[in-house]
Amino acid sequence: MLIQFRFKNFKSFREDTILDLSATKITEYSDRVIQVGTEKLLPTAAIYGANASGKSNVIEAFLYMTTYVMDSFAYGGETDDKKSKTRKPRLTPFLFDSTSKDVESSFEVYFITSEENGFKSYNYGFTLKQSGVVEEWLNTKAKTAREYKSVFYRNGSELDLSGLPGKMRDIIKVSLYDEALVVSLGAKQRISKLKMIRDWFCNINFTNFGNPFENAFLSSMIPEGFADDKSVQKKVIDYFAAFDPSIIGFNIKVIKNDSEDVKQVEIDAVHHMIGSDETAQIPLQDESDGTLKMFALYPALQDTLNTGSVLFIDELNARLHPLLVRSFLIMFLNPETNPKHAQLVFTTHDSWQLSNNLLRRDEIWFTEKAPSGVSTLYSLADFTDDDGSKIRKDESYEKNYLLGKYGAIPTLKYFDMFRGD
């Protein structure tokens, strides 16, 4: 489970920024807190804020870190074979001052493994400049240990690999180059400690429904096994029945292309006909935008709940009724539907979720952007009002948020540019 994500100097976030999924000592919904080893963690984090306040940048920072961990072994090196190289993602530091563009950006996570993996805690991070990796570190802590122990540390010419198997140290030293991470390169060499870190990132899912191109792509994805496995199809039907009982099945036609490994799938949604035992079929792409979004969410939801990993969703509320969003959240909050302790981090404008007795104060986060362009991220549990008092659990979160008490709302002005002279 994710304990904490920390980053600095990425897009609109210039200063050190922390998203913490550790449970605070507040009393509401204590049954929701998940005990994993010695950690007490939360299953959800909801990020609110005005448009362009930096909500999406929190998720994009984690996505950038994940992409770099997964692919950096192929970003550069001395090979002349361009086909073997992967294009390095563009690093975007804070650009609205004269110094930040030349300062390194940092990314760091704390996470803990499951019981079968010994409840081990890990602290992994790195700093980057446009030229490559500046610093990288990996520390680990056993369930009963008090302090983290270094596995490796890298800083410029300094490279301490003492926590890795002896035979593998020389391989990494010879193979390492500026653009590559030790974790990424070591996982490629099948070093178990480093492969475990890389695989943790590989299991994380991201969906962005604020991006129309990605939204169209996600809507075309189908759940694993959906084309051939009747049990998978039944699970999808049961999933749809929770919000659209008119869909009673799917008619799936698989069209094989020239390659046997590539399948094009045509899907019709099956509906009851009024006053008849017969059914009607509608191409899935002709269903409502909300239905298509829920279909697009299913593969990532299925994988996240099955593996107990983390799902990041940008604009969860887009094209979904608030009650449907609530039902989606409950899948993560309910231990019966989330036995492996999967976590959900999402951005939203749906303020109703603040007033329906669903979220703890430490599960509610806000982003706010100053006139200077600098974004900040803070939790409702840590927020203090003008008198220096903490927010009480019996306050009307939605009302006070919309009134601007917590910040993180747009500064509204009339659209005078359309008014005639």
Protein backbone atom coordinates (compact mmCIF):
# COMPACT_ATOMS: atom_id res chain seq x y z
CA MET A 1 0.00 0.00 0.00
CA LEU A 2 1.06 3.56 -0.65
CA ILE A 3 2.00 5.38 2.54
CA GLN A 4 3.23 8.68 1.18
CA PHE A 5 4.14 10.37 -2.10
CA ARG A 6 6.46 13.36 -2.04
CA PHE A 7 7.62 15.54 -4.91
CA LYS A 8 9.15 18.94 -5.60
CA ASN A 9 9.68 21.31 -8.52
CA PHE A 10 7.29 19.63 -10.92
CA LYS A 11 5.01 21.78 -13.08
CA SER A 12 3.05 24.17 -10.84
CA PHE A 13 4.41 22.65 -7.60
CA ARG A 14 7.67 24.46 -6.81
CA GLU A 15 7.96 23.60 -3.12
CA ASP A 16 8.13 20.27 -1.33
CA THR A 17 4.68 18.65 -1.66
CA ILE A 18 3.30 15.64 0.24
CA LEU A 19 0.27 13.44 -0.38
CA ASP A 20 -0.01 11.28 2.75
CA LEU A 21 -2.33 8.27 2.98
CA SER A 22 -1.45 7.61 6.61
CA ALA A 23 -4.47 7.80 8.89
CA THR A 24 -4.38 10.62 11.41
CA LYS A 25 -5.72 10.25 14.94
CA ILE A 26 -9.16 11.66 14.10
CA THR A 27 -12.06 9.52 15.28
CA GLU A 28 -14.57 9.40 12.40
CA TYR A 29 -14.90 6.13 10.46
CA SER A 30 -12.14 4.43 12.44
CA ASP A 31 -13.30 1.09 11.04
CA ARG A 32 -12.10 2.28 7.63
CA VAL A 33 -8.47 2.55 8.73
CA ILE A 34 -6.41 -0.35 7.37
CA GLN A 35 -3.77 -1.85 9.66
CA VAL A 36 -0.85 -3.08 7.56
CA GLY A 37 2.03 -4.14 9.75
CA THR A 38 2.68 -1.14 11.98
CA GLU A 39 1.12 1.32 9.52
CA LYS A 40 -2.43 2.68 9.69
CA LEU A 41 -3.46 3.63 6.17
CA LEU A 42 -6.43 4.98 4.23
CA PRO A 43 -8.06 3.49 1.12
CA THR A 44 -8.87 6.79 -0.60
CA ALA A 45 -7.69 10.35 -1.18
CA ALA A 46 -9.96 12.88 -2.90
CA ILE A 47 -8.30 16.00 -4.33
CA TYR A 48 -10.43 19.13 -4.79
CA GLY A 49 -9.52 22.50 -6.22
CA ALA A 50 -10.29 25.14 -8.80
CA ASN A 51 -9.60 24.60 -12.47
CA ALA A 52 -5.88 25.03 -13.21
CA SER A 53 -5.04 24.87 -9.49
CA GLY A 54 -2.75 21.84 -9.88
CA LYS A 55 -5.03 18.88 -9.07
CA SER A 56 -4.03 16.96 -12.19
CA ASN A 57 -0.37 17.79 -11.65
CA VAL A 58 -0.35 15.72 -8.44
CA ILE A 59 -1.34 12.64 -10.44
CA GLU A 60 0.94 13.60 -13.33
CA ALA A 61 3.88 13.79 -10.92
CA PHE A 62 3.24 10.22 -9.79
CA LEU A 63 2.75 9.13 -13.41
CA TYR A 64 6.06 10.75 -14.36
CA MET A 65 7.84 8.92 -11.55
CA THR A 66 6.23 5.62 -12.53
CA THR A 67 7.11 6.01 -16.20
CA TYR A 68 10.72 6.85 -15.38
CA VAL A 69 11.06 3.82 -13.10
CA MET A 70 9.59 1.47 -15.69
CA ASP A 71 11.47 2.67 -18.77
CA SER A 72 14.65 4.55 -17.85
CA PHE A 73 16.95 1.59 -18.59
CA ALA A 74 16.20 2.30 -22.28
CA TYR A 75 16.49 6.10 -22.27
CA GLY A 76 20.13 6.47 -23.28
CA GLY A 77 23.47 4.78 -22.84
CA GLU A 78 26.26 4.25 -25.32
CA THR A 79 24.37 2.10 -27.84
CA ASP A 80 23.94 3.51 -31.34
CA ASP A 81 20.87 1.41 -31.97
CA LYS A 82 18.06 3.98 -31.92
CA LYS A 83 15.42 1.22 -32.08
CA SER A 84 16.53 -0.07 -28.67
CA LYS A 85 16.09 3.33 -27.05
CA THR A 86 12.90 4.73 -25.55
CA ARG A 87 12.19 8.42 -25.71
CA LYS A 88 12.68 10.00 -22.29
CA PRO A 89 9.59 11.83 -20.98
CA ARG A 90 10.04 15.57 -20.86
CA LEU A 91 10.78 16.89 -17.39
CA THR A 92 8.79 20.04 -16.61
CA PRO A 93 10.01 21.93 -13.54
CA PHE A 94 8.37 25.11 -12.27
CA LEU A 95 8.91 27.72 -15.00
CA PHE A 96 7.53 30.97 -13.55
CA ASP A 97 10.64 32.20 -11.81
CA SER A 98 14.25 32.65 -12.88
CA THR A 99 15.83 29.77 -10.96
CA SER A 100 13.57 26.70 -10.68
CA LYS A 101 14.10 25.56 -14.26
CA ASP A 102 17.75 24.87 -13.39
CA VAL A 103 17.00 23.14 -10.07
CA GLU A 104 16.49 19.38 -9.84
CA SER A 105 13.02 17.88 -9.49
CA SER A 106 12.51 15.22 -6.83
CA PHE A 107 10.14 12.25 -6.53
CA GLU A 108 9.86 9.95 -3.52
CA VAL A 109 7.50 7.24 -2.24
CA TYR A 110 7.02 5.29 0.94
CA PHE A 111 5.06 2.05 0.62
CA ILE A 112 4.53 -1.22 2.47
CA THR A 113 4.13 -4.75 1.16
CA SER A 114 1.40 -7.25 2.02
CA GLU A 115 1.51 -9.82 4.79
CA GLU A 116 2.73 -12.59 2.46
CA ASN A 117 5.70 -10.34 1.63
CA GLY A 118 6.47 -9.67 5.27
CA PHE A 119 4.96 -6.18 5.77
CA LYS A 120 8.27 -4.67 4.64
CA SER A 121 8.35 -0.90 4.23
CA TYR A 122 10.28 0.79 1.44
CA ASN A 123 11.45 4.34 0.85
CA TYR A 124 12.51 4.97 -2.74
CA GLY A 125 13.20 8.19 -4.57
CA PHE A 126 15.33 10.12 -7.02
CA THR A 127 16.09 13.63 -8.23
CA LEU A 128 16.44 14.63 -11.88
CA LYS A 129 17.69 17.39 -14.09
CA GLN A 130 17.25 17.58 -17.84
CA SER A 131 20.63 15.88 -18.20
CA GLY A 132 19.65 12.84 -16.16
CA VAL A 133 19.64 11.40 -12.64
CA VAL A 134 21.24 13.53 -9.94
CA GLU A 135 20.51 11.40 -6.88
CA GLU A 136 18.76 8.08 -6.17
CA TRP A 137 18.16 6.07 -3.02
CA LEU A 138 16.42 2.95 -1.73
CA ASN A 139 15.88 2.16 1.94
CA THR A 140 13.97 -0.69 3.53
CA LYS A 141 12.60 -1.53 6.95
CA ALA A 142 11.40 -4.85 8.32
CA LYS A 143 8.09 -5.02 10.19
CA THR A 144 9.79 -5.11 13.60
CA ALA A 145 12.56 -2.61 12.79
CA ARG A 146 12.53 0.98 14.00
CA GLU A 147 14.70 2.55 11.33
CA TYR A 148 15.21 2.22 7.59
CA LYS A 149 18.35 0.51 6.30
CA SER A 150 20.03 1.59 3.07
CA VAL A 151 19.94 -0.76 0.09
CA PHE A 152 21.79 1.62 -2.21
CA TYR A 153 22.60 5.30 -2.58
CA ARG A 154 23.73 7.25 -5.63
CA ASN A 155 24.80 10.87 -5.88
CA GLY A 156 26.92 11.99 -8.81
CA SER A 157 30.09 9.92 -8.78
CA GLU A 158 29.19 8.38 -5.42
CA LEU A 159 27.58 4.93 -5.77
CA ASP A 160 27.04 2.73 -2.72
CA LEU A 161 25.48 -0.61 -3.67
CA SER A 162 26.37 -2.43 -0.46
CA GLY A 163 22.81 -3.67 0.08
CA LEU A 164 22.74 -5.56 -3.25
CA PRO A 165 24.16 -9.02 -4.08
CA GLY A 166 27.92 -8.85 -4.68
CA LYS A 167 27.88 -10.31 -8.19
CA MET A 168 25.34 -7.76 -9.36
CA ARG A 169 27.18 -4.67 -8.12
CA ASP A 170 29.80 -4.78 -10.85
CA ILE A 171 27.14 -5.31 -13.54
CA ILE A 172 25.28 -2.17 -12.44
CA LYS A 173 28.47 -0.13 -12.10
CA VAL A 174 29.50 -1.00 -15.64
CA SER A 175 26.03 -0.56 -17.16
CA LEU A 176 24.82 2.56 -15.35
CA TYR A 177 24.56 5.84 -17.24
CA ASP A 178 23.18 9.31 -16.48
CA GLU A 179 19.61 8.83 -17.74
CA ALA A 180 19.03 5.40 -16.15
CA LEU A 181 17.86 4.61 -12.63
CA VAL A 182 19.58 1.89 -10.62
CA VAL A 183 16.15 0.37 -9.92
CA SER A 184 15.19 0.33 -13.60
CA LEU A 185 18.51 -1.13 -14.73
CA GLY A 186 18.66 -3.60 -11.86
CA ALA A 187 15.14 -4.84 -12.50
CA LYS A 188 16.15 -5.45 -16.13
CA GLN A 189 19.02 -7.56 -14.76
CA ARG A 190 16.50 -9.48 -12.60
CA ILE A 191 17.93 -8.37 -9.28
CA SER A 192 15.07 -9.41 -7.00
CA LYS A 193 15.17 -6.44 -4.60
CA LEU A 194 15.10 -3.95 -7.46
CA LYS A 195 12.62 -5.91 -9.57
CA MET A 196 10.20 -5.82 -6.63
CA ILE A 197 10.36 -2.01 -6.58
CA ARG A 198 9.88 -1.76 -10.35
CA ASP A 199 6.98 -4.25 -10.25
CA TRP A 200 5.24 -2.23 -7.51
CA PHE A 201 5.15 0.73 -9.86
CA CYS A 202 4.10 -1.48 -12.81
CA ASN A 203 0.96 -2.55 -10.91
CA ILE A 204 -0.28 1.02 -10.45
CA ASN A 205 -3.13 2.11 -12.76
CA PHE A 206 -3.82 5.57 -14.18
CA THR A 207 -6.89 6.89 -15.99
CA ASN A 208 -7.41 10.45 -17.17
CA PHE A 209 -10.97 11.34 -18.15
CA GLY A 210 -10.07 14.99 -18.53
CA ASN A 211 -8.08 14.15 -21.67
CA PRO A 212 -10.46 13.56 -24.63
CA PHE A 213 -7.91 11.50 -26.56
CA GLU A 214 -7.12 9.24 -23.62
CA ASN A 215 -10.84 9.07 -22.80
CA ALA A 216 -11.55 7.73 -26.29
CA PHE A 217 -8.72 5.22 -25.94
CA LEU A 218 -9.90 4.03 -22.52
CA SER A 219 -13.43 3.59 -23.85
CA SER A 220 -12.08 1.18 -26.46
CA MET A 221 -10.32 -1.02 -23.90
CA ILE A 222 -11.96 -4.25 -22.77
CA PRO A 223 -11.44 -6.18 -19.53
CA GLU A 224 -8.91 -9.00 -19.60
CA GLY A 225 -10.60 -12.20 -20.75
CA PHE A 226 -13.83 -10.40 -21.66
CA ALA A 227 -13.90 -11.63 -25.28
CA ASP A 228 -13.60 -15.33 -24.43
CA ASP A 229 -14.36 -15.95 -20.75
CA LYS A 230 -18.06 -16.18 -19.81
CA SER A 231 -17.26 -15.71 -16.10
CA VAL A 232 -15.55 -12.40 -16.87
CA GLN A 233 -18.54 -11.34 -18.97
CA LYS A 234 -20.89 -12.18 -16.08
CA LYS A 235 -18.84 -10.04 -13.68
CA VAL A 236 -19.06 -7.12 -16.10
CA ILE A 237 -22.84 -7.62 -16.41
CA ASP A 238 -23.18 -7.67 -12.60
CA TYR A 239 -21.06 -4.51 -12.46
CA PHE A 240 -23.34 -2.77 -14.96
CA ALA A 241 -26.44 -3.98 -13.15
CA ALA A 242 -25.41 -1.87 -10.16
CA PHE A 243 -26.09 1.34 -12.12
CA ASP A 244 -27.79 0.42 -15.41
CA PRO A 245 -30.09 -2.62 -15.00
CA SER A 246 -31.35 -2.22 -18.55
CA ILE A 247 -28.15 -3.87 -19.82
CA ILE A 248 -28.62 -7.60 -19.34
CA GLY A 249 -25.77 -8.92 -21.42
CA PHE A 250 -23.27 -8.42 -24.20
CA ASN A 251 -22.99 -9.90 -27.65
CA ILE A 252 -19.30 -10.10 -28.53
CA LYS A 253 -17.93 -10.73 -31.98
CA VAL A 254 -14.20 -11.31 -32.33
CA ILE A 255 -12.68 -10.41 -35.68
CA LYS A 256 -9.22 -11.88 -36.16
CA ASN A 257 -6.76 -9.71 -38.01
CA ASP A 258 -3.76 -10.84 -40.02
CA SER A 259 -1.93 -11.48 -36.78
CA GLU A 260 -3.43 -14.17 -34.56
CA ASP A 261 -2.34 -12.21 -31.50
CA VAL A 262 -4.31 -9.10 -32.46
CA LYS A 263 -8.08 -9.13 -32.05
CA GLN A 264 -10.64 -6.57 -33.05
CA VAL A 265 -13.77 -6.90 -30.94
CA GLU A 266 -17.26 -5.68 -31.76
CA ILE A 267 -19.51 -5.39 -28.70
CA ASP A 268 -23.27 -4.95 -28.60
CA ALA A 269 -25.08 -4.23 -25.34
CA VAL A 270 -28.16 -6.42 -24.91
CA HIS A 271 -31.33 -4.78 -23.52
CA HIS A 272 -34.84 -6.02 -22.66
CA MET A 273 -37.57 -4.93 -25.05
CA ILE A 274 -40.64 -3.35 -23.45
CA GLY A 275 -43.58 -5.73 -23.09
CA SER A 276 -41.72 -8.63 -24.65
CA ASP A 277 -39.39 -11.49 -23.79
CA GLU A 278 -37.25 -10.51 -26.76
CA THR A 279 -34.09 -8.44 -26.54
CA ALA A 280 -32.60 -5.57 -28.48
CA GLN A 281 -28.93 -5.04 -29.25
CA ILE A 282 -27.19 -1.67 -29.36
CA PRO A 283 -23.55 -1.14 -30.36
CA LEU A 284 -21.66 -0.32 -27.19
CA GLN A 285 -20.28 2.87 -28.69
CA ASP A 286 -23.87 4.15 -29.02
CA GLU A 287 -24.49 3.90 -25.27
CA SER A 288 -24.37 7.05 -23.11
CA ASP A 289 -21.10 8.75 -22.24
CA GLY A 290 -21.58 7.73 -18.60
CA THR A 291 -22.05 4.08 -19.54
CA LEU A 292 -18.96 4.19 -21.73
CA LYS A 293 -16.97 5.74 -18.91
CA MET A 294 -18.03 3.04 -16.47
CA PHE A 295 -17.07 0.43 -19.06
CA ALA A 296 -13.72 2.16 -19.53
CA LEU A 297 -13.16 2.18 -15.75
CA TYR A 298 -13.78 -1.55 -15.33
CA PRO A 299 -10.40 -2.96 -16.51
CA ALA A 300 -8.39 -0.68 -14.23
CA LEU A 301 -10.83 -1.24 -11.35
CA GLN A 302 -10.69 -5.01 -11.82
CA ASP A 303 -6.89 -5.07 -11.91
CA THR A 304 -6.49 -2.71 -8.95
CA LEU A 305 -8.88 -4.62 -6.67
CA ASN A 306 -7.39 -7.99 -7.71
CA THR A 307 -3.80 -6.93 -7.03
CA GLY A 308 -4.36 -4.59 -4.10
CA SER A 309 -2.54 -1.77 -5.88
CA VAL A 310 -3.31 1.94 -6.39
CA LEU A 311 -5.67 3.50 -8.93
CA PHE A 312 -5.23 7.17 -9.88
CA ILE A 313 -8.21 8.76 -11.66
CA ASP A 314 -8.23 12.30 -12.95
CA GLU A 315 -11.75 13.83 -13.00
CA LEU A 316 -13.64 10.86 -11.60
CA ASN A 317 -16.88 12.84 -11.53
CA ALA A 318 -16.88 13.74 -15.26
CA ARG A 319 -20.11 12.46 -16.86
CA LEU A 320 -21.07 10.43 -13.78
CA HIS A 321 -23.99 11.02 -11.42
CA PRO A 322 -22.85 11.83 -7.84
CA LEU A 323 -24.61 8.73 -6.52
CA LEU A 324 -22.68 6.61 -9.01
CA VAL A 325 -19.43 8.22 -7.88
CA ARG A 326 -20.42 7.42 -4.30
CA SER A 327 -21.01 3.76 -5.21
CA PHE A 328 -17.62 3.65 -6.93
CA LEU A 329 -15.90 5.01 -3.81
CA ILE A 330 -17.67 2.52 -1.57
CA MET A 331 -16.05 -0.33 -3.53
CA PHE A 332 -12.73 0.85 -2.07
CA LEU A 333 -14.09 1.77 1.37
CA ASN A 334 -15.86 -1.55 1.94
CA PRO A 335 -13.48 -4.36 3.04
CA GLU A 336 -15.85 -6.96 1.55
CA THR A 337 -15.36 -5.58 -1.96
CA ASN A 338 -11.76 -4.52 -1.29
CA PRO A 339 -10.19 -7.38 0.71
CA LYS A 340 -6.67 -6.75 -0.67
CA HIS A 341 -6.63 -3.11 0.48
CA ALA A 342 -6.46 -1.41 -2.91
CA GLN A 343 -6.31 2.39 -2.83
CA LEU A 344 -7.98 5.11 -4.90
CA VAL A 345 -6.55 8.59 -5.45
CA PHE A 346 -8.74 10.85 -7.56
CA THR A 347 -9.40 14.45 -8.52
CA THR A 348 -12.93 15.79 -8.61
CA HIS A 349 -15.17 18.87 -8.61
CA ASP A 350 -18.06 16.90 -7.07
CA SER A 351 -18.59 18.80 -3.81
CA TRP A 352 -21.56 16.62 -2.88
CA GLN A 353 -19.12 13.90 -1.84
CA LEU A 354 -18.09 16.29 0.95
CA SER A 355 -21.57 16.32 2.45
CA ASN A 356 -22.76 12.72 2.27
CA ASN A 357 -20.98 11.29 5.32
CA LEU A 358 -18.53 9.39 3.17
CA LEU A 359 -15.02 10.85 3.47
CA ARG A 360 -12.83 11.36 6.51
CA ARG A 361 -11.13 14.72 6.93
CA ASP A 362 -7.72 13.14 6.22
CA GLU A 363 -9.10 11.68 2.97
CA ILE A 364 -10.00 15.17 1.67
CA TRP A 365 -7.24 17.18 -0.02
CA PHE A 366 -7.19 20.59 -1.68
CA THR A 367 -4.96 22.26 -4.23
CA GLU A 368 -4.69 26.02 -4.42
CA LYS A 369 -2.63 28.18 -6.77
CA ALA A 370 -1.22 31.53 -5.65
CA PRO A 371 -1.10 34.56 -7.97
CA SER A 372 2.60 33.71 -8.47
CA GLY A 373 1.57 30.44 -10.14
CA VAL A 374 2.78 28.24 -7.27
CA SER A 375 0.41 25.39 -6.29
CA THR A 376 0.07 23.97 -2.79
CA LEU A 377 -1.54 20.73 -1.60
CA TYR A 378 -3.05 20.37 1.86
CA SER A 379 -5.40 18.09 3.77
CA LEU A 380 -8.63 19.13 5.47
CA ALA A 381 -7.37 17.33 8.58
CA ASP A 382 -4.38 19.70 8.73
CA PHE A 383 -6.25 22.86 7.75
CA THR A 384 -6.70 25.60 10.35
CA ASP A 385 -9.12 28.52 10.08
CA ASP A 386 -8.35 32.20 10.66
CA ASP A 387 -8.51 31.63 14.41
CA GLY A 388 -5.96 28.82 14.23
CA SER A 389 -8.57 26.16 15.00
CA LYS A 390 -8.74 22.75 13.29
CA ILE A 391 -11.82 21.80 11.28
CA ARG A 392 -14.37 19.87 13.36
CA LYS A 393 -15.93 16.64 12.12
CA ASP A 394 -19.46 18.04 12.58
CA GLU A 395 -18.92 20.97 10.20
CA SER A 396 -20.68 21.16 6.85
CA TYR A 397 -17.67 20.49 4.63
CA GLU A 398 -19.48 21.11 1.36
CA LYS A 399 -21.08 24.39 2.45
CA ASN A 400 -17.87 25.77 3.92
CA TYR A 401 -15.83 24.67 0.91
CA LEU A 402 -18.17 26.42 -1.53
CA LEU A 403 -18.12 29.52 0.69
CA GLY A 404 -14.35 29.55 0.35
CA LYS A 405 -13.54 28.77 3.98
CA TYR A 406 -10.97 26.13 2.99
CA GLY A 407 -9.66 27.96 -0.07
CA ALA A 408 -9.13 25.96 -3.29
CA ILE A 409 -12.07 27.52 -5.18
CA PRO A 410 -11.96 29.74 -8.28
CA THR A 411 -11.97 33.52 -8.03
CA LEU A 412 -15.13 34.33 -9.95
CA LYS A 413 -15.62 37.33 -12.18
CA TYR A 414 -18.38 38.20 -14.59
CA PHE A 415 -17.69 37.56 -18.27
CA ASP A 416 -17.80 41.26 -19.13
CA MET A 417 -16.01 40.74 -22.43
CA PHE A 418 -19.38 39.77 -23.98
CA ARG A 419 -21.22 42.86 -22.72
CA GLY A 420 -21.95 45.52 -25.28
CA ASP A 421 -20.59 49.04 -24.86
